[in-house]
Amino acid sequence: MSSPTNPNNLARDARRSGVRQEGGEAVAKVIDIIAQLRRLDGAFPKREQRVADYVLANLETIAYQRQSEIAAGAGVSDATVNRFCQTLGCDGFKDFKIRFAQSVAVSLQYLGGPGNDSSVSDQLVAQVFGALVDTLNTARGQLDSAAIQAAIDLLAGARRIIFFGVGGGSANVAREGANRFFRLGIPAEAHSDGYLQRMLASTLEPGDVVFAVSASGSPAELLDSVAIARQYGAQTLSLTKAGSDLALATDITIGVDLPEDQDIFKPSASRLAFTAIVDVLAAGAARKRPERVKEYLRRIRTSLMPLSKDVGPKPIGD
C-alpha cells in the first residue's frame, strides 16, 4: 500500500473530496477554496500544478476568466483545468468558478495589506478616533427624535427589558444595554443564543420589552424572537439598519445606516455608535424616573464603598 503522505496520493484523495461516502457517512464539499488551494500547493500532478500556480498568481481575475483562458494562461489543456478543479473538491469548472468567486469575495480583503509596524501608532490613533467621530456624527444626523422619545418612554415604563443580539458587535451592545438599564431599577438582561432567545421570548407578557440589536437587521434568530414576543403581548424595540427586516418587524425602530471602514484591522465604529445610542436611551429613561433612579444608584455606589476608599465621583461599578 502506498504512503498516504505521498504528494500524488494527497492530490488523488483531494480529487475525491467532493461529496462522497466514507464508511457510510457523507463528506461535505470544500467551502474555503483558497485554503484548499494552499494546502495542496506543491502536491498537484505536474500539469495541474501549473494551473494552481496560475490561479494563485491571478486571484483577483480568475473568477472572470473562461476555462480556455485559464488553460492558455497556464499552458495546459482545458481537460487539465477540469481535473484541477476536481482535485480541489469541485464537481468541475463551473462549480469551481462559483465556489472560487464566493471564497475570493471574502478572502481578498484579508490577503496582503499592512503588517505589524509599531511606528505608525500615531496614525492608527488618528484613524480609529477619526472614524469613530465621523460615525458618531453620521449616526447623530440620522436619528429620529420622535423615535428616540418613543423608545425612552417605552423603556422607562418597562416591567422587564430583554436585550437580544447575535454575533460579536451586536451581542456586546446588548450586554451593555442590560448593564446600563439594571442600574435604573429596571430588571434587564441580555442574551445572544438564538435558541434561548426564542424560548425566553415565549415567556414574555404585556409590560415586557424586547430590545433587539443588529447592525444588518437580518438575523433570523432576532426576527423569530421578535415575532414570538409580540405574539404574547410584549412590545418590541430595535436598534438596527434603517429599512431592514428587523426595522420593519418591531413596534419602535431606531434606524441608522452606518458605513463600515474598509480597513479590516480597525474595530467597528458602528458598534461604538450603537453603544452611544443605548446611553442616550438610558439617560433619557433615568430622567423620567429621577428619584427612583437616584436611590438605586446611591445603593449601588454604597455597596461598592468597601472596595474603594475614593468617595468622589466615579463610574458606577468602575
Protein backbone atom coordinates (compact mmCIF):
# COMPACT_ATOMS: atom_id res chain seq x y z
CA MET A 1 0.00 0.00 0.00
CA SER A 2 1.38 3.43 -0.90
CA SER A 3 2.08 6.03 1.76
CA PRO A 4 -0.83 8.40 2.47
CA THR A 5 1.63 11.30 2.68
CA ASN A 6 2.81 10.79 -0.88
CA PRO A 7 2.03 14.02 -2.88
CA ASN A 8 0.34 12.00 -5.62
CA ASN A 9 -1.89 10.31 -3.06
CA LEU A 10 -2.73 13.66 -1.47
CA ALA A 11 -3.83 15.12 -4.80
CA ARG A 12 -5.70 11.93 -5.68
CA ASP A 13 -7.56 11.97 -2.37
CA ALA A 14 -8.33 15.66 -2.77
CA ARG A 15 -9.83 14.97 -6.20
CA ARG A 16 -12.30 12.74 -4.43
CA SER A 17 -13.00 15.29 -1.67
CA GLY A 18 -16.31 16.43 -3.07
CA VAL A 19 -19.47 14.90 -1.67
CA ARG A 20 -18.67 11.21 -1.33
CA GLN A 21 -19.20 8.32 1.03
CA GLU A 22 -16.67 7.25 3.63
CA GLY A 23 -17.75 4.48 5.99
CA GLY A 24 -21.37 5.21 5.13
CA GLU A 25 -21.12 8.92 6.04
CA ALA A 26 -21.35 11.78 3.58
CA VAL A 27 -18.36 14.13 3.46
CA ALA A 28 -19.22 17.75 2.63
CA LYS A 29 -17.63 19.64 -0.22
CA VAL A 30 -14.83 22.05 0.49
CA ILE A 31 -16.01 25.59 1.22
CA ASP A 32 -12.74 27.54 1.53
CA ILE A 33 -11.21 27.11 -1.94
CA ILE A 34 -8.28 29.41 -1.08
CA ALA A 35 -7.28 27.27 1.90
CA GLN A 36 -7.68 24.07 -0.13
CA LEU A 37 -5.56 25.50 -2.92
CA ARG A 38 -2.79 26.44 -0.49
CA ARG A 39 -2.96 23.07 1.26
CA LEU A 40 -2.45 21.19 -2.00
CA ASP A 41 0.11 23.59 -3.46
CA GLY A 42 3.12 21.51 -4.47
CA ALA A 43 1.16 18.26 -4.26
CA PHE A 44 -0.78 18.58 -7.54
CA PRO A 45 0.23 16.47 -10.55
CA LYS A 46 2.75 18.40 -12.62
CA ARG A 47 0.37 19.93 -15.17
CA GLU A 48 -2.31 20.67 -12.60
CA GLN A 49 0.36 22.42 -10.51
CA ARG A 50 0.83 24.83 -13.42
CA VAL A 51 -2.86 25.66 -13.18
CA ALA A 52 -2.53 26.13 -9.41
CA ASP A 53 0.43 28.48 -9.91
CA TYR A 54 -1.53 30.50 -12.44
CA VAL A 55 -4.60 30.73 -10.19
CA LEU A 56 -2.58 31.79 -7.15
CA ALA A 57 -0.87 34.48 -9.20
CA ASN A 58 -4.18 35.83 -10.51
CA LEU A 59 -6.63 35.55 -7.62
CA GLU A 60 -8.40 38.81 -8.44
CA THR A 61 -9.15 37.94 -12.07
CA ILE A 62 -9.65 34.15 -12.17
CA ALA A 63 -13.35 34.44 -11.37
CA TYR A 64 -13.83 36.40 -14.62
CA GLN A 65 -11.84 34.08 -16.89
CA ARG A 66 -13.19 31.28 -19.04
CA GLN A 67 -11.81 27.77 -18.79
CA SER A 68 -9.97 28.15 -22.07
CA GLU A 69 -8.37 31.41 -20.89
CA ILE A 70 -7.08 29.78 -17.72
CA ALA A 71 -5.79 26.82 -19.74
CA ALA A 72 -3.98 29.18 -22.13
CA GLY A 73 -2.54 31.21 -19.26
CA ALA A 74 -1.23 28.08 -17.55
CA GLY A 75 -0.08 26.48 -20.79
CA VAL A 76 -2.22 23.37 -20.38
CA SER A 77 -5.34 21.83 -21.92
CA ASP A 78 -8.94 22.52 -20.92
CA ALA A 79 -9.14 18.94 -19.63
CA THR A 80 -6.24 19.60 -17.25
CA VAL A 81 -8.06 22.64 -15.87
CA ASN A 82 -11.13 20.50 -15.28
CA ARG A 83 -9.06 17.83 -13.48
CA PHE A 84 -7.50 20.57 -11.36
CA CYS A 85 -11.00 21.69 -10.31
CA GLN A 86 -11.91 18.14 -9.35
CA THR A 87 -8.70 17.77 -7.36
CA LEU A 88 -9.79 20.80 -5.33
CA GLY A 89 -13.04 19.02 -4.49
CA CYS A 90 -15.33 20.66 -7.05
CA ASP A 91 -17.63 18.87 -9.49
CA GLY A 92 -15.96 20.61 -12.41
CA PHE A 93 -15.03 24.02 -13.76
CA LYS A 94 -18.49 25.59 -13.34
CA ASP A 95 -18.68 24.51 -9.70
CA PHE A 96 -15.11 25.74 -9.16
CA LYS A 97 -15.98 29.18 -10.57
CA ILE A 98 -18.93 29.60 -8.24
CA ARG A 99 -17.07 28.47 -5.14
CA PHE A 100 -13.94 30.39 -6.06
CA ALA A 101 -15.85 33.64 -6.60
CA GLN A 102 -17.55 33.29 -3.22
CA SER A 103 -14.32 32.49 -1.42
CA VAL A 104 -12.31 35.27 -3.07
CA ALA A 105 -15.01 37.87 -2.45
CA VAL A 106 -14.50 37.33 1.27
CA SER A 107 -10.80 36.49 1.28
CA LEU A 108 -9.20 39.23 -0.82
CA GLN A 109 -9.62 41.89 1.86
CA TYR A 110 -7.59 39.69 4.21
CA LEU A 111 -4.81 38.80 1.78
CA GLY A 112 -1.77 41.05 1.65
CA GLY A 113 -2.03 44.54 3.10
CA PRO A 114 -0.12 46.04 6.04
CA GLY A 115 1.71 44.01 8.60
CA ASN A 116 2.80 44.88 12.12
CA ASP A 117 4.54 48.26 12.25
CA SER A 118 4.60 49.99 15.63
CA SER A 119 5.97 53.17 14.01
CA VAL A 120 2.50 54.02 12.71
CA SER A 121 0.86 54.14 16.16
CA ASP A 122 0.10 57.85 15.91
CA GLN A 123 -1.56 57.31 12.54
CA LEU A 124 -3.61 54.45 13.98
CA VAL A 125 -4.82 56.60 16.87
CA ALA A 126 -5.88 59.32 14.44
CA GLN A 127 -7.54 56.81 12.12
CA VAL A 128 -9.52 54.92 14.75
CA PHE A 129 -10.62 58.00 16.69
CA GLY A 130 -11.32 59.92 13.48
CA ALA A 131 -13.50 57.13 12.14
CA LEU A 132 -15.38 56.99 15.43
CA VAL A 133 -16.07 60.72 15.38
CA ASP A 134 -17.23 60.53 11.77
CA THR A 135 -19.51 57.57 12.50
CA LEU A 136 -20.99 59.25 15.58
CA ASN A 137 -21.73 62.38 13.55
CA THR A 138 -23.31 60.28 10.80
CA ALA A 139 -25.49 58.46 13.32
CA ARG A 140 -26.44 61.71 15.03
CA GLY A 141 -27.66 63.14 11.74
CA GLN A 142 -29.80 60.05 11.05
CA LEU A 143 -31.53 59.76 14.43
CA ASP A 144 -35.26 60.47 14.50
CA SER A 145 -36.10 62.46 17.64
CA ALA A 146 -39.65 61.10 17.70
CA ALA A 147 -38.36 57.51 17.64
CA ILE A 148 -35.83 58.29 20.37
CA GLN A 149 -38.54 59.77 22.59
CA ALA A 150 -40.91 56.86 21.95
CA ALA A 151 -38.13 54.41 22.84
CA ILE A 152 -37.31 56.30 26.04
CA ASP A 153 -40.97 56.29 27.11
CA LEU A 154 -41.26 52.57 26.39
CA LEU A 155 -38.09 51.62 28.25
CA ALA A 156 -38.78 53.86 31.25
CA GLY A 157 -42.11 52.18 31.81
CA ALA A 158 -40.99 48.62 31.12
CA ARG A 159 -41.56 45.90 33.68
CA ARG A 160 -38.59 44.00 32.27
CA ILE A 161 -36.20 44.58 29.36
CA ILE A 162 -34.66 41.72 27.40
CA PHE A 163 -31.81 42.71 25.11
CA PHE A 164 -31.19 40.39 22.17
CA GLY A 165 -28.13 40.49 19.89
CA VAL A 166 -26.28 37.89 17.85
CA GLY A 167 -22.69 37.90 16.69
CA GLY A 168 -19.82 39.82 18.25
CA GLY A 169 -20.70 43.52 17.97
CA SER A 170 -24.46 43.36 18.48
CA ALA A 171 -24.19 40.90 21.36
CA ASN A 172 -21.74 43.23 23.11
CA VAL A 173 -24.07 46.19 22.63
CA ALA A 174 -26.92 44.12 24.03
CA ARG A 175 -24.86 43.25 27.11
CA GLU A 176 -24.00 46.91 27.60
CA GLY A 177 -27.70 47.76 27.32
CA ALA A 178 -28.56 45.37 30.15
CA ASN A 179 -25.61 46.75 32.13
CA ARG A 180 -26.95 50.29 31.80
CA PHE A 181 -30.61 49.64 32.50
CA PHE A 182 -30.44 47.39 35.56
CA ARG A 183 -28.82 50.34 37.37
CA LEU A 184 -32.02 52.31 36.80
CA GLY A 185 -34.04 49.78 38.79
CA ILE A 186 -35.47 48.13 35.69
CA PRO A 187 -34.85 44.37 35.52
CA ALA A 188 -32.70 43.90 32.41
CA GLU A 189 -30.80 41.02 30.89
CA ALA A 190 -29.04 40.22 27.61
CA HIS A 191 -28.87 37.03 25.57
CA SER A 192 -27.09 36.09 22.35
CA ASP A 193 -28.01 32.42 21.95
CA GLY A 194 -30.73 32.03 19.31
CA TYR A 195 -32.42 29.03 20.94
CA LEU A 196 -32.54 30.74 24.32
CA GLN A 197 -33.88 33.92 22.73
CA ARG A 198 -36.81 32.04 21.23
CA MET A 199 -37.60 30.24 24.48
CA LEU A 200 -37.33 33.41 26.55
CA ALA A 201 -39.47 35.36 24.08
CA SER A 202 -42.25 32.81 24.56
CA THR A 203 -42.39 33.59 28.31
CA LEU A 204 -42.87 37.35 27.92
CA GLU A 205 -46.07 39.23 28.64
CA PRO A 206 -47.56 42.72 28.27
CA GLY A 207 -45.29 45.17 30.08
CA ASP A 208 -42.14 43.36 28.98
CA VAL A 209 -39.92 44.82 26.26
CA VAL A 210 -37.65 43.07 23.78
CA PHE A 211 -34.80 45.32 22.63
CA ALA A 212 -33.21 43.75 19.53
CA VAL A 213 -29.81 44.98 18.33
CA SER A 214 -28.39 44.23 14.88
CA ALA A 215 -26.13 46.17 12.52
CA SER A 216 -27.56 44.35 9.49
CA GLY A 217 -31.14 43.83 10.61
CA SER A 218 -31.30 40.39 9.02
CA PRO A 219 -30.52 37.62 11.58
CA ALA A 220 -33.31 35.04 11.54
CA GLU A 221 -32.86 34.46 15.29
CA LEU A 222 -33.85 38.03 16.07
CA LEU A 223 -36.72 38.14 13.59
CA ASP A 224 -38.19 34.94 15.01
CA SER A 225 -37.76 36.02 18.63
CA VAL A 226 -39.36 39.41 17.99
CA ALA A 227 -42.34 37.74 16.31
CA ILE A 228 -42.74 35.31 19.21
CA ALA A 229 -42.55 38.07 21.83
CA ARG A 230 -45.15 40.19 20.02
CA GLN A 231 -47.44 37.17 19.82
CA TYR A 232 -47.63 37.13 23.61
CA GLY A 233 -48.13 40.86 24.05
CA ALA A 234 -44.60 42.09 24.73
CA GLN A 235 -43.56 45.29 23.00
CA THR A 236 -40.53 45.35 20.76
CA LEU A 237 -37.83 47.89 20.01
CA SER A 238 -34.93 47.61 17.60
CA LEU A 239 -31.65 49.44 17.10
CA THR A 240 -30.69 48.41 13.61
CA LYS A 241 -30.15 49.31 9.98
CA ALA A 242 -32.85 51.60 8.67
CA GLY A 243 -35.32 49.84 6.36
CA SER A 244 -34.08 46.35 7.27
CA ASP A 245 -36.30 43.35 8.00
CA LEU A 246 -35.76 43.84 11.73
CA ALA A 247 -36.59 47.54 11.48
CA LEU A 248 -39.92 46.66 9.89
CA ALA A 249 -40.66 43.90 12.42
CA THR A 250 -40.62 45.90 15.69
CA ASP A 251 -43.08 48.31 17.27
CA ILE A 252 -40.47 51.06 17.54
CA THR A 253 -37.32 51.32 15.45
CA ILE A 254 -34.22 53.42 15.88
CA GLY A 255 -32.82 53.09 12.39
CA VAL A 256 -29.35 54.13 11.29
CA ASP A 257 -27.32 53.14 8.26
CA LEU A 258 -23.64 53.35 9.16
CA PRO A 259 -20.90 52.54 6.62
CA GLU A 260 -18.05 50.32 7.74
CA ASP A 261 -14.41 51.25 7.24
CA GLN A 262 -12.57 49.17 4.64
CA ASP A 263 -9.62 48.70 6.99
CA ILE A 264 -10.09 45.14 8.25
CA PHE A 265 -7.74 45.70 11.22
CA LYS A 266 -9.77 48.57 12.66
CA PRO A 267 -12.55 47.91 15.20
CA SER A 268 -16.09 48.57 14.03
CA ALA A 269 -17.04 52.17 14.76
CA SER A 270 -20.73 51.35 14.32
CA ARG A 271 -20.60 49.19 17.45
CA LEU A 272 -19.49 52.19 19.50
CA ALA A 273 -22.13 54.36 17.84
CA PHE A 274 -24.78 51.83 18.82
CA THR A 275 -23.46 51.89 22.39
CA ALA A 276 -23.70 55.68 22.42
CA ILE A 277 -27.35 55.46 21.30
CA VAL A 278 -28.07 53.00 24.11
CA ASP A 279 -26.51 55.52 26.51
CA VAL A 280 -28.86 58.22 25.17
CA LEU A 281 -31.85 55.96 25.81
CA ALA A 282 -30.65 55.04 29.30
CA ALA A 283 -30.05 58.69 30.21
CA GLY A 284 -33.49 59.60 28.90
CA ALA A 285 -35.18 56.78 30.84
CA ALA A 286 -33.35 57.82 34.02
CA ARG A 287 -34.66 61.36 33.72
CA LYS A 288 -38.23 60.11 33.52
CA ARG A 289 -37.94 58.45 36.94
CA PRO A 290 -35.26 60.58 38.68
CA GLU A 291 -35.99 59.91 42.37
CA ARG A 292 -36.17 56.14 41.97
CA VAL A 293 -33.04 56.08 39.82
CA LYS A 294 -31.05 58.25 42.23
CA GLU A 295 -31.92 55.86 45.05
CA TYR A 296 -30.83 52.81 43.05
CA LEU A 297 -27.58 54.50 42.03
CA ARG A 298 -26.96 55.52 45.66
CA ARG A 299 -27.43 51.93 46.79
CA ILE A 300 -25.09 50.59 44.10
CA ARG A 301 -22.42 53.16 44.91
CA THR A 302 -22.73 52.43 48.62
CA SER A 303 -22.42 48.69 48.04
CA LEU A 304 -19.08 49.32 46.38
CA MET A 305 -17.64 51.51 49.13
CA PRO A 306 -15.79 48.64 50.86
CA LEU A 307 -13.90 48.05 47.63
CA SER A 308 -12.67 51.61 47.23
CA LYS A 309 -11.85 54.45 49.64
CA ASP A 310 -12.45 57.05 46.95
CA VAL A 311 -15.79 58.72 47.72
CA GLY A 312 -15.59 61.22 44.85
CA PRO A 313 -17.47 60.95 41.56
CA LYS A 314 -16.52 57.86 39.58
CA PRO A 315 -18.17 55.37 37.22
CA ILE A 316 -20.82 53.22 38.90
CA GLY A 317 -19.24 49.79 39.07
CA ASP A 318 -15.94 51.13 37.65
